[in-house]
């Protein structure tokens, strides 16, 4: 009986060890920038100030890698994709605007469908779709960044109708904000936030 007991204890210990140490753990990583500009990261957010940053685990790419991959895929500057994400959602993958735009690059559901995005809250899917749409806007407006950004924000029809950046305060501010972030990311190429 003692031998059977020892055998069961060893087997149970082995199963528990495999359960806790043999399989990789994965969690979401969240970030928060406090009033002093200090960036905090955690996998267990303690307040609503934290927003989704990236998935943890060896089978996922970092947000920076996804941005670089999608920027290269659509012949965009990575700093531009980062700047659009910063202006659109402040890197919050779960962001939803009052107009119904979704995810990091704030894609409207129709635009997301047109760009082949299946899950607008999946960072990689959203960045791929948003980058593709940004490339289409640049192509439509002869690589004129101001017009492409205005089209990304207000729609290409509004840009054509007004013969340039529409006279909407939100769109004008958006174009300037993205350009400001673009400049900052171009200077500090290592920065993501």
Protein backbone atom coordinates (compact mmCIF):
# COMPACT_ATOMS: atom_id res chain seq x y z
CA UNK A 1 0.00 0.00 0.00
CA UNK A 2 2.87 2.38 0.82
CA UNK A 3 4.34 1.76 -2.60
CA UNK A 4 1.03 2.54 -4.29
CA UNK A 5 0.71 5.72 -2.21
CA UNK A 6 4.25 6.81 -3.18
CA UNK A 7 3.51 6.06 -6.83
CA UNK A 8 0.31 8.16 -6.76
CA UNK A 9 2.05 11.06 -5.00
CA UNK A 10 4.86 11.04 -7.56
CA UNK A 11 2.42 10.86 -10.47
CA UNK A 12 0.28 13.65 -9.03
CA UNK A 13 3.38 15.78 -8.41
CA UNK A 14 4.51 15.20 -11.97
CA UNK A 15 1.10 16.22 -13.37
CA UNK A 16 1.03 19.36 -11.21
CA UNK A 17 4.56 20.29 -12.23
CA UNK A 18 3.66 19.95 -15.90
CA UNK A 19 0.50 21.97 -15.36
CA UNK A 20 2.27 24.89 -13.71
CA UNK A 21 5.74 24.78 -15.23
CA UNK A 22 5.49 22.75 -18.43
CA UNK A 23 3.17 24.98 -20.39
CA UNK A 24 3.84 28.58 -21.25
CA UNK A 25 1.54 31.15 -19.69
CA UNK A 26 0.18 33.94 -21.79
CA UNK A 27 -1.55 37.15 -20.78
CA UNK A 28 -2.45 40.50 -22.20
CA UNK A 29 -0.08 43.36 -21.46
CA UNK A 30 -1.60 46.72 -20.55
CA UNK A 31 0.00 50.16 -20.35
CA UNK A 32 -0.74 53.46 -18.71
CA UNK A 33 1.02 56.80 -19.05
CA UNK A 34 0.69 58.84 -15.85
CA UNK A 35 0.50 62.63 -15.52
CA UNK A 36 4.31 62.83 -15.29
CA UNK A 37 4.71 60.96 -18.57
CA UNK A 38 5.96 57.78 -16.87
CA UNK A 39 4.85 54.62 -18.69
CA UNK A 40 3.55 51.72 -16.57
CA UNK A 41 3.11 48.16 -17.89
CA UNK A 42 1.21 45.30 -16.26
CA UNK A 43 -0.59 42.08 -17.03
CA UNK A 44 -3.06 42.78 -14.21
CA UNK A 45 -4.48 46.31 -14.64
CA UNK A 46 -5.51 47.90 -11.35
CA UNK A 47 -7.52 50.79 -12.79
CA UNK A 48 -9.38 51.88 -15.89
CA UNK A 49 -6.41 54.09 -16.82
CA UNK A 50 -4.66 51.05 -18.28
CA UNK A 51 -5.30 50.18 -21.94
CA UNK A 52 -4.44 47.09 -23.96
CA UNK A 53 -0.87 47.17 -25.34
CA UNK A 54 -0.06 43.71 -26.71
CA UNK A 55 -0.47 39.99 -26.21
CA UNK A 56 2.26 38.26 -24.26
CA UNK A 57 3.72 35.02 -25.53
CA UNK A 58 6.21 33.64 -27.98
CA UNK A 59 3.62 33.10 -30.70
CA UNK A 60 2.65 36.76 -30.95
CA UNK A 61 4.54 39.66 -32.42
CA UNK A 62 5.04 42.94 -30.63
CA UNK A 63 2.94 45.89 -31.70
CA UNK A 64 6.08 47.53 -33.04
CA UNK A 65 6.82 44.47 -35.20
CA UNK A 66 3.25 44.43 -36.54
CA UNK A 67 3.44 48.13 -37.39
CA UNK A 68 6.76 47.65 -39.20
CA UNK A 69 5.46 44.59 -41.09
CA UNK A 70 2.25 46.33 -42.23
CA UNK A 71 4.07 49.55 -43.09
CA UNK A 72 6.51 47.60 -45.28
CA UNK A 73 3.68 45.60 -46.83
CA UNK A 74 1.85 48.75 -47.94
CA UNK A 75 4.93 50.90 -48.66
CA UNK A 76 4.32 53.25 -45.75
CA UNK A 77 6.65 54.79 -43.24
CA UNK A 78 6.28 52.96 -39.90
CA UNK A 79 6.33 56.33 -38.13
CA UNK A 80 3.24 57.35 -40.13
CA UNK A 81 1.32 54.23 -39.12
CA UNK A 82 2.32 54.85 -35.48
CA UNK A 83 1.23 58.48 -35.74
CA UNK A 84 -2.20 57.51 -37.11
CA UNK A 85 -2.66 54.94 -34.33
CA UNK A 86 -1.62 57.50 -31.70
CA UNK A 87 -4.06 60.10 -33.06
CA UNK A 88 -6.91 57.64 -33.62
CA UNK A 89 -6.89 55.50 -30.46
CA UNK A 90 -3.82 56.34 -28.39
CA UNK A 91 -2.81 52.68 -28.86
CA UNK A 92 -6.06 51.36 -27.31
CA UNK A 93 -6.94 48.21 -29.27
CA UNK A 94 -10.45 48.15 -27.76
CA UNK A 95 -11.29 51.77 -28.60
CA UNK A 96 -14.76 52.51 -30.02
CA UNK A 97 -15.58 56.03 -31.20
CA UNK A 98 -18.96 57.74 -30.93
CA UNK A 99 -19.27 57.26 -34.70
CA UNK A 100 -18.65 53.52 -34.42
CA UNK A 101 -15.01 53.40 -35.53
CA UNK A 102 -13.18 50.43 -34.02
CA UNK A 103 -9.75 49.42 -32.78
CA UNK A 104 -6.28 50.87 -33.00
CA UNK A 105 -6.70 52.60 -36.36
CA UNK A 106 -10.40 53.37 -35.78
CA UNK A 107 -11.88 51.62 -38.79
CA UNK A 108 -15.58 52.06 -39.51
CA UNK A 109 -17.24 48.64 -39.90
CA UNK A 110 -17.79 49.15 -43.65
CA UNK A 111 -14.16 50.18 -44.18
CA UNK A 112 -12.97 47.23 -42.09
CA UNK A 113 -15.02 44.86 -44.28
CA UNK A 114 -13.71 46.49 -47.46
CA UNK A 115 -10.13 46.06 -46.21
CA UNK A 116 -10.70 42.40 -45.32
CA UNK A 117 -10.54 42.93 -41.55
CA UNK A 118 -12.32 40.10 -39.73
CA UNK A 119 -11.75 41.31 -36.18
CA UNK A 120 -11.21 45.06 -35.83
CA UNK A 121 -10.22 44.57 -32.17
CA UNK A 122 -7.34 42.28 -33.11
CA UNK A 123 -4.31 44.60 -33.28
CA UNK A 124 -2.64 42.82 -36.20
CA UNK A 125 -5.84 42.60 -38.26
CA UNK A 126 -6.72 46.24 -37.53
CA UNK A 127 -3.25 47.61 -38.34
CA UNK A 128 -3.15 45.62 -41.56
CA UNK A 129 -6.55 46.97 -42.63
CA UNK A 130 -5.80 50.52 -41.51
CA UNK A 131 -2.43 50.51 -43.27
CA UNK A 132 -4.02 49.22 -46.45
CA UNK A 133 -6.68 51.97 -46.28
CA UNK A 134 -4.03 54.62 -45.61
CA UNK A 135 -2.08 53.43 -48.69
CA UNK A 136 -5.29 53.66 -50.77
CA UNK A 137 -5.84 57.24 -49.59
CA UNK A 138 -2.25 58.17 -50.43
CA UNK A 139 -2.64 56.62 -53.88
CA UNK A 140 -5.95 58.42 -54.50
CA UNK A 141 -4.46 61.78 -53.57
CA UNK A 142 -1.09 61.46 -55.34
CA UNK A 143 0.87 60.89 -52.11
CA UNK A 144 -0.19 64.27 -50.74
CA UNK A 145 -0.05 63.49 -47.04
CA UNK A 146 -2.39 66.28 -45.89
CA UNK A 147 -5.11 65.17 -48.29
CA UNK A 148 -4.63 61.47 -47.55
CA UNK A 149 -4.91 62.10 -43.81
CA UNK A 150 -7.99 64.27 -44.32
CA UNK A 151 -9.52 61.48 -46.42
CA UNK A 152 -8.66 58.91 -43.74
CA UNK A 153 -10.52 61.06 -41.21
CA UNK A 154 -13.43 62.57 -43.16
CA UNK A 155 -13.63 60.25 -46.16
CA UNK A 156 -12.25 60.66 -49.67
CA UNK A 157 -15.59 62.04 -50.92
CA UNK A 158 -15.40 64.97 -48.52
CA UNK A 159 -11.86 65.80 -49.69
CA UNK A 160 -12.90 65.70 -53.34
CA UNK A 161 -16.09 67.68 -52.68
CA UNK A 162 -14.15 70.47 -50.97
CA UNK A 163 -11.18 70.36 -53.34
CA UNK A 164 -8.80 69.83 -50.41
CA UNK A 165 -8.95 69.46 -46.65
CA UNK A 166 -12.60 69.87 -45.66
CA UNK A 167 -13.44 72.89 -43.49
CA UNK A 168 -14.24 70.63 -40.55
CA UNK A 169 -12.43 71.62 -37.35
CA UNK A 170 -12.09 67.96 -36.32
CA UNK A 171 -10.44 67.02 -39.63
CA UNK A 172 -8.10 70.02 -39.69
CA UNK A 173 -7.02 69.31 -36.10
CA UNK A 174 -6.61 65.62 -36.93
CA UNK A 175 -4.28 66.30 -39.87
CA UNK A 176 -2.10 68.58 -37.73
CA UNK A 177 -2.08 66.13 -34.81
CA UNK A 178 -0.99 63.19 -37.00
CA UNK A 179 1.75 65.30 -38.60
CA UNK A 180 2.98 66.34 -35.13
CA UNK A 181 3.14 62.71 -33.99
CA UNK A 182 4.77 61.71 -37.28
CA UNK A 183 7.52 64.26 -36.73
CA UNK A 184 8.05 63.02 -33.16
CA UNK A 185 8.24 59.37 -34.25
CA UNK A 186 10.62 60.24 -37.10
CA UNK A 187 12.98 61.89 -34.61
CA UNK A 188 12.73 59.10 -32.03
CA UNK A 189 12.61 55.95 -34.17
CA UNK A 190 12.86 53.68 -31.11
CA UNK A 191 9.72 55.09 -29.55
CA UNK A 192 6.39 53.36 -29.87
CA UNK A 193 4.34 55.23 -27.35
